């Protein structure tokens, strides 16, 4: 089992190019090309203002190719990516085409694209179908991710697109195309335990045919904390067992994006190495089930 991690949290300290190098040095097998910088969305004001960045300029493909080359020179590959969000902003949703192009240029084979939180499987199917021609042309699969809403009165999560096993499988099956697969966000799934949902149940419902990517992080099963595995309240043993039982063949990809916030720029390499150790522990759990 190979391990990977997103580079967005690291690049905020050192930039994307050095982030890829640090991921390689930490012991990961791959890197997740998180393209959140394409969005430039201010959640407080609702303003859309993409920052100056190579991915927002005319040379975005050359930059993506450069990142892929840096990875290969350091012994790792791009296994997957993340298109910018929130997708309820039309200009950001349309950047999925660019994200797919960048994924292919970097050498990745899967691009995670959020569904619209409050749309039905059939409505989101039409949304995803808009990007399928680009995905097929580039040879990059789209991965739909399980989402959540927030119930202020109850003080916990509320249902959203793909937030339970039946709704998630319905989203994938509504498109019914091998170029739309599932990315199971383990933290999001465990936050839905109020409704009888678990990440293990989600994995088993999706099965190995649909489930091709993961977002792995830990939390208190209430808030979206994005911490490293084994640091909070998620029990990863049944999750890993479920993934093994369905013959999951993808990477173990961390999305522990908030973990590095406690580190200073001088300590960032040590923090990423601890992330790799946590991911490798999960991979070892998976592989031990073969013995």
Protein backbone atom coordinates (compact mmCIF):
# COMPACT_ATOMS: atom_id res chain seq x y z
CA UNK A 1 0.00 0.00 0.00
CA UNK A 2 1.46 3.34 -1.09
CA UNK A 3 0.99 6.59 0.82
CA UNK A 4 0.47 10.18 -0.32
CA UNK A 5 -0.45 13.58 1.09
CA UNK A 6 -1.88 16.87 -0.12
CA UNK A 7 0.62 19.71 -0.68
CA UNK A 8 -1.62 22.72 -0.05
CA UNK A 9 -0.87 22.95 3.68
CA UNK A 10 2.88 22.56 3.08
CA UNK A 11 3.00 25.03 0.19
CA UNK A 12 1.67 27.77 2.45
CA UNK A 13 5.05 27.62 4.19
CA UNK A 14 7.44 26.95 1.31
CA UNK A 15 5.58 27.11 -2.03
CA UNK A 16 4.44 24.20 -4.16
CA UNK A 17 7.80 23.25 -5.64
CA UNK A 18 9.53 22.79 -2.30
CA UNK A 19 6.38 21.19 -0.90
CA UNK A 20 6.74 18.34 -3.39
CA UNK A 21 10.39 17.93 -2.43
CA UNK A 22 9.54 17.86 1.29
CA UNK A 23 6.84 15.23 0.72
CA UNK A 24 9.39 13.04 -1.05
CA UNK A 25 12.01 13.53 1.66
CA UNK A 26 9.48 12.66 4.39
CA UNK A 27 8.99 9.18 2.95
CA UNK A 28 5.75 9.46 1.01
CA UNK A 29 5.35 7.57 -2.26
CA UNK A 30 3.26 10.26 -3.94
CA UNK A 31 1.79 13.75 -3.66
CA UNK A 32 -1.77 15.05 -3.98
CA UNK A 33 -1.94 18.13 -6.23
CA UNK A 34 -4.33 20.31 -4.20
CA UNK A 35 -5.30 23.33 -6.34
CA UNK A 36 -7.22 25.39 -3.79
CA UNK A 37 -5.15 28.44 -4.76
CA UNK A 38 -7.13 28.58 -8.01
CA UNK A 39 -10.26 29.54 -6.11
CA UNK A 40 -9.47 32.75 -4.28
CA UNK A 41 -12.81 32.69 -2.48
CA UNK A 42 -13.30 34.71 0.70
CA UNK A 43 -15.72 32.72 2.88
CA UNK A 44 -16.38 35.73 5.13
CA UNK A 45 -17.35 38.18 2.39
CA UNK A 46 -18.35 35.84 -0.44
CA UNK A 47 -15.92 37.60 -2.78
CA UNK A 48 -14.18 35.76 -5.60
CA UNK A 49 -10.67 37.08 -6.25
CA UNK A 50 -8.08 34.54 -7.49
CA UNK A 51 -4.59 35.41 -6.23
CA UNK A 52 -1.56 35.81 -8.44
CA UNK A 53 -0.17 32.33 -8.87
CA UNK A 54 1.23 30.29 -11.76
CA UNK A 55 -1.87 28.07 -11.72
CA UNK A 56 -4.02 31.16 -12.39
CA UNK A 57 -1.82 32.43 -15.20
CA UNK A 58 -1.32 31.56 -18.85
CA UNK A 59 1.55 29.19 -18.03
CA UNK A 60 -0.47 26.92 -15.75
CA UNK A 61 0.22 23.77 -17.75
CA UNK A 62 3.95 24.38 -17.82
CA UNK A 63 3.90 24.90 -14.06
CA UNK A 64 1.97 21.67 -13.48
CA UNK A 65 4.43 19.82 -15.70
CA UNK A 66 7.29 21.30 -13.67
CA UNK A 67 5.79 20.06 -10.40
CA UNK A 68 5.38 16.59 -11.87
CA UNK A 69 8.99 16.63 -13.02
CA UNK A 70 10.21 17.73 -9.58
CA UNK A 71 8.30 14.85 -8.03
CA UNK A 72 9.75 12.27 -10.40
CA UNK A 73 13.28 13.63 -9.90
CA UNK A 74 12.78 13.06 -6.18
CA UNK A 75 11.33 9.58 -6.56
CA UNK A 76 7.59 10.24 -6.12
CA UNK A 77 4.58 10.62 -8.41
CA UNK A 78 1.38 12.65 -8.43
CA UNK A 79 -1.33 10.13 -7.60
CA UNK A 80 -4.35 12.44 -7.48
CA UNK A 81 -5.45 16.05 -7.27
CA UNK A 82 -8.17 18.29 -5.85
CA UNK A 83 -10.09 20.77 -7.96
CA UNK A 84 -10.83 24.17 -6.35
CA UNK A 85 -14.03 24.83 -4.43
CA UNK A 86 -16.67 25.96 -3.39
CA UNK A 87 -18.43 24.79 -6.52
CA UNK A 88 -21.52 26.91 -5.87
CA UNK A 89 -19.43 29.79 -7.26
CA UNK A 90 -19.81 29.35 -11.05
CA UNK A 91 -16.35 30.70 -11.91
CA UNK A 92 -14.74 28.25 -9.49
CA UNK A 93 -16.82 25.30 -10.67
CA UNK A 94 -15.66 25.93 -14.23
CA UNK A 95 -12.03 25.70 -13.14
CA UNK A 96 -12.49 21.94 -12.93
CA UNK A 97 -11.52 21.86 -16.62
CA UNK A 98 -8.19 23.55 -15.79
CA UNK A 99 -7.73 21.29 -12.75
CA UNK A 100 -8.15 18.22 -14.94
CA UNK A 101 -5.59 19.59 -17.38
CA UNK A 102 -3.12 20.28 -14.58
CA UNK A 103 -3.65 16.81 -13.13
CA UNK A 104 -2.74 15.20 -16.44
CA UNK A 105 0.24 17.53 -16.90
CA UNK A 106 1.58 16.56 -13.47
CA UNK A 107 1.09 12.86 -14.19
CA UNK A 108 -1.93 12.24 -11.95
CA UNK A 109 -4.77 9.89 -12.80
CA UNK A 110 -7.61 11.11 -10.53
CA UNK A 111 -9.02 14.58 -9.86
CA UNK A 112 -11.37 15.06 -6.90
CA UNK A 113 -14.24 17.41 -7.72
CA UNK A 114 -16.84 18.30 -5.09
CA UNK A 115 -20.51 17.72 -5.84
CA UNK A 116 -22.98 20.49 -5.10
CA UNK A 117 -23.90 19.96 -1.44
CA UNK A 118 -27.65 20.35 -1.80
CA UNK A 119 -28.34 18.79 -5.18
CA UNK A 120 -29.75 15.35 -5.89
CA UNK A 121 -27.75 12.53 -7.47
CA UNK A 122 -29.48 13.23 -10.76
CA UNK A 123 -28.74 16.97 -10.62
CA UNK A 124 -25.11 16.38 -9.73
CA UNK A 125 -24.88 13.79 -12.50
CA UNK A 126 -25.59 16.53 -15.03
CA UNK A 127 -22.94 18.69 -13.37
CA UNK A 128 -20.28 15.98 -13.55
CA UNK A 129 -21.17 15.05 -17.12
CA UNK A 130 -20.07 18.54 -18.19
CA UNK A 131 -16.49 17.63 -17.29
CA UNK A 132 -16.43 14.05 -18.57
CA UNK A 133 -15.32 14.92 -22.13
CA UNK A 134 -12.30 16.79 -20.75
CA UNK A 135 -11.55 13.96 -18.33
CA UNK A 136 -11.71 11.31 -21.03
CA UNK A 137 -9.61 13.32 -23.45
CA UNK A 138 -6.89 13.63 -20.79
CA UNK A 139 -7.20 10.15 -19.32
CA UNK A 140 -7.95 11.50 -15.83
CA UNK A 141 -10.84 10.11 -13.79
CA UNK A 142 -13.13 12.41 -11.79
CA UNK A 143 -13.64 11.43 -8.15
CA UNK A 144 -16.79 12.59 -6.37
CA UNK A 145 -16.36 13.23 -2.63
CA UNK A 146 -18.79 12.77 0.27
CA UNK A 147 -19.83 16.12 1.74
CA UNK A 148 -21.65 17.43 4.83
CA UNK A 149 -23.78 20.40 5.89
CA UNK A 150 -23.93 21.97 9.33
CA UNK A 151 -27.00 22.20 11.57
CA UNK A 152 -26.42 25.25 13.77
CA UNK A 153 -29.35 24.46 16.05
CA UNK A 154 -28.25 20.88 16.67
CA UNK A 155 -24.57 21.77 16.80
CA UNK A 156 -23.46 19.00 14.48
CA UNK A 157 -23.43 17.87 10.85
CA UNK A 158 -26.47 17.53 8.61
CA UNK A 159 -27.03 15.47 5.45
CA UNK A 160 -25.56 16.61 2.15
CA UNK A 161 -24.57 15.14 -1.20
CA UNK A 162 -22.97 11.70 -0.78
CA UNK A 163 -23.11 11.92 3.03
CA UNK A 164 -24.59 8.44 3.49
CA UNK A 165 -23.90 5.14 1.69
CA UNK A 166 -27.11 5.06 -0.36
CA UNK A 167 -26.77 8.66 -1.55
CA UNK A 168 -23.08 8.25 -2.38
CA UNK A 169 -23.60 5.12 -4.45
CA UNK A 170 -26.59 6.79 -6.14
CA UNK A 171 -24.36 9.70 -7.22
CA UNK A 172 -21.81 7.39 -8.83
CA UNK A 173 -24.42 5.16 -10.42
CA UNK A 174 -26.45 8.09 -11.78
CA UNK A 175 -23.51 8.95 -14.05
CA UNK A 176 -22.71 5.29 -14.74
CA UNK A 177 -19.38 5.96 -16.41
CA UNK A 178 -15.97 4.50 -15.50
CA UNK A 179 -14.55 8.04 -15.54
CA UNK A 180 -16.58 8.99 -12.46
CA UNK A 181 -15.40 7.22 -9.32
CA UNK A 182 -15.61 7.82 -5.56
CA UNK A 183 -13.21 9.51 -3.15
CA UNK A 184 -14.12 8.56 0.41
CA UNK A 185 -13.34 11.32 2.90
CA UNK A 186 -12.98 9.33 6.10
CA UNK A 187 -13.27 12.36 8.39
CA UNK A 188 -16.45 13.59 6.70
CA UNK A 189 -18.00 10.12 6.94
CA UNK A 190 -17.26 9.76 10.65
CA UNK A 191 -18.77 13.20 11.33
CA UNK A 192 -22.09 11.77 10.13
CA UNK A 193 -22.29 9.17 12.92
CA UNK A 194 -25.33 11.06 14.26
CA UNK A 195 -27.19 9.48 11.34
CA UNK A 196 -25.79 5.98 11.70
CA UNK A 197 -23.04 6.52 9.12
CA UNK A 198 -19.47 5.26 9.38
CA UNK A 199 -16.50 5.35 7.03
CA UNK A 200 -16.31 1.54 7.09
CA UNK A 201 -19.96 1.24 6.01
CA UNK A 202 -19.37 3.80 3.26
CA UNK A 203 -16.40 1.83 1.93
CA UNK A 204 -18.31 -1.44 1.90
CA UNK A 205 -21.30 0.13 0.16
CA UNK A 206 -19.15 1.72 -2.53
CA UNK A 207 -17.06 -1.38 -3.11
CA UNK A 208 -13.77 -1.65 -4.93
CA UNK A 209 -15.35 -0.92 -8.30
CA UNK A 210 -16.47 2.59 -7.30
CA UNK A 211 -13.98 3.54 -4.57
CA UNK A 212 -10.66 4.61 -6.08
CA UNK A 213 -9.37 7.42 -3.83
CA UNK A 214 -9.26 8.50 -0.19
CA UNK A 215 -8.98 11.61 1.94
CA UNK A 216 -7.62 10.41 5.29
CA UNK A 217 -7.63 12.54 8.43
CA UNK A 218 -8.69 12.35 12.06
CA UNK A 219 -11.21 14.35 14.08
CA UNK A 220 -13.40 14.25 17.17
CA UNK A 221 -16.27 12.85 15.05
CA UNK A 222 -17.97 16.23 15.38
CA UNK A 223 -15.89 18.94 13.67
CA UNK A 224 -13.81 18.85 10.49
CA UNK A 225 -10.43 18.99 12.27
CA UNK A 226 -8.17 17.51 9.54
CA UNK A 227 -5.58 16.07 11.94
CA UNK A 228 -3.23 13.14 11.39
CA UNK A 229 -4.55 9.61 11.96
CA UNK A 230 -4.37 8.22 15.51
CA UNK A 231 -4.36 11.70 17.08
CA UNK A 232 -8.09 12.06 17.82
CA UNK A 233 -11.22 9.91 18.03
CA UNK A 234 -11.67 7.97 14.77
CA UNK A 235 -11.16 4.21 15.09
CA UNK A 236 -9.20 3.37 11.94
CA UNK A 237 -9.09 -0.41 12.40
CA UNK A 238 -12.62 -1.10 11.04
CA UNK A 239 -12.03 1.40 8.23
CA UNK A 240 -8.82 -0.31 7.12
CA UNK A 241 -10.50 -3.72 7.44
CA UNK A 242 -13.35 -2.57 5.20
CA UNK A 243 -10.92 -1.20 2.62
CA UNK A 244 -9.05 -4.49 2.64
CA UNK A 245 -12.24 -6.51 2.33
CA UNK A 246 -13.35 -4.62 -0.79
CA UNK A 247 -9.88 -5.00 -2.34
CA UNK A 248 -9.18 -1.27 -2.40
CA UNK A 249 -6.31 -0.67 -4.83
CA UNK A 250 -5.75 3.07 -4.57
CA UNK A 251 -3.36 5.09 -2.42
CA UNK A 252 -3.69 5.98 1.25
CA UNK A 253 -3.79 9.77 0.80
CA UNK A 254 -3.71 12.09 3.80
CA UNK A 255 -5.72 15.29 3.91
CA UNK A 256 -4.52 16.27 7.39
CA UNK A 257 -4.27 19.87 6.24
CA UNK A 258 -4.73 21.52 9.65
CA UNK A 259 -2.08 19.46 11.42
CA UNK A 260 0.83 21.63 10.29
CA UNK A 261 -0.62 24.85 11.71
CA UNK A 262 1.16 24.26 15.01
CA UNK A 263 4.56 24.12 13.30
CA UNK A 264 6.88 27.00 12.51
CA UNK A 265 8.43 27.31 9.03
CA UNK A 266 11.69 25.96 10.46
CA UNK A 267 9.99 22.82 11.78
CA UNK A 268 7.80 22.02 8.79
CA UNK A 269 9.93 19.13 7.53
CA UNK A 270 9.63 17.38 10.88
CA UNK A 271 5.86 17.82 10.82
CA UNK A 272 5.56 16.28 7.37
CA UNK A 273 7.70 13.33 8.47
CA UNK A 274 5.25 12.71 11.34
CA UNK A 275 2.43 12.77 8.80
CA UNK A 276 4.26 10.15 6.74
CA UNK A 277 4.76 7.98 9.82
CA UNK A 278 1.02 8.07 10.57
CA UNK A 279 0.16 7.23 6.97
CA UNK A 280 2.67 4.38 6.93
CA UNK A 281 1.15 2.98 10.12
CA UNK A 282 -2.19 2.81 8.33
CA UNK A 283 -0.58 1.16 5.31
CA UNK A 284 1.07 -1.41 7.58
CA UNK A 285 -2.33 -2.16 9.16
CA UNK A 286 -3.75 -2.78 5.69
CA UNK A 287 -0.86 -5.01 4.61
CA UNK A 288 -0.91 -7.02 7.86
CA UNK A 289 -4.37 -8.30 6.91
CA UNK A 290 -2.77 -10.25 4.06
CA UNK A 291 -0.72 -12.33 6.49
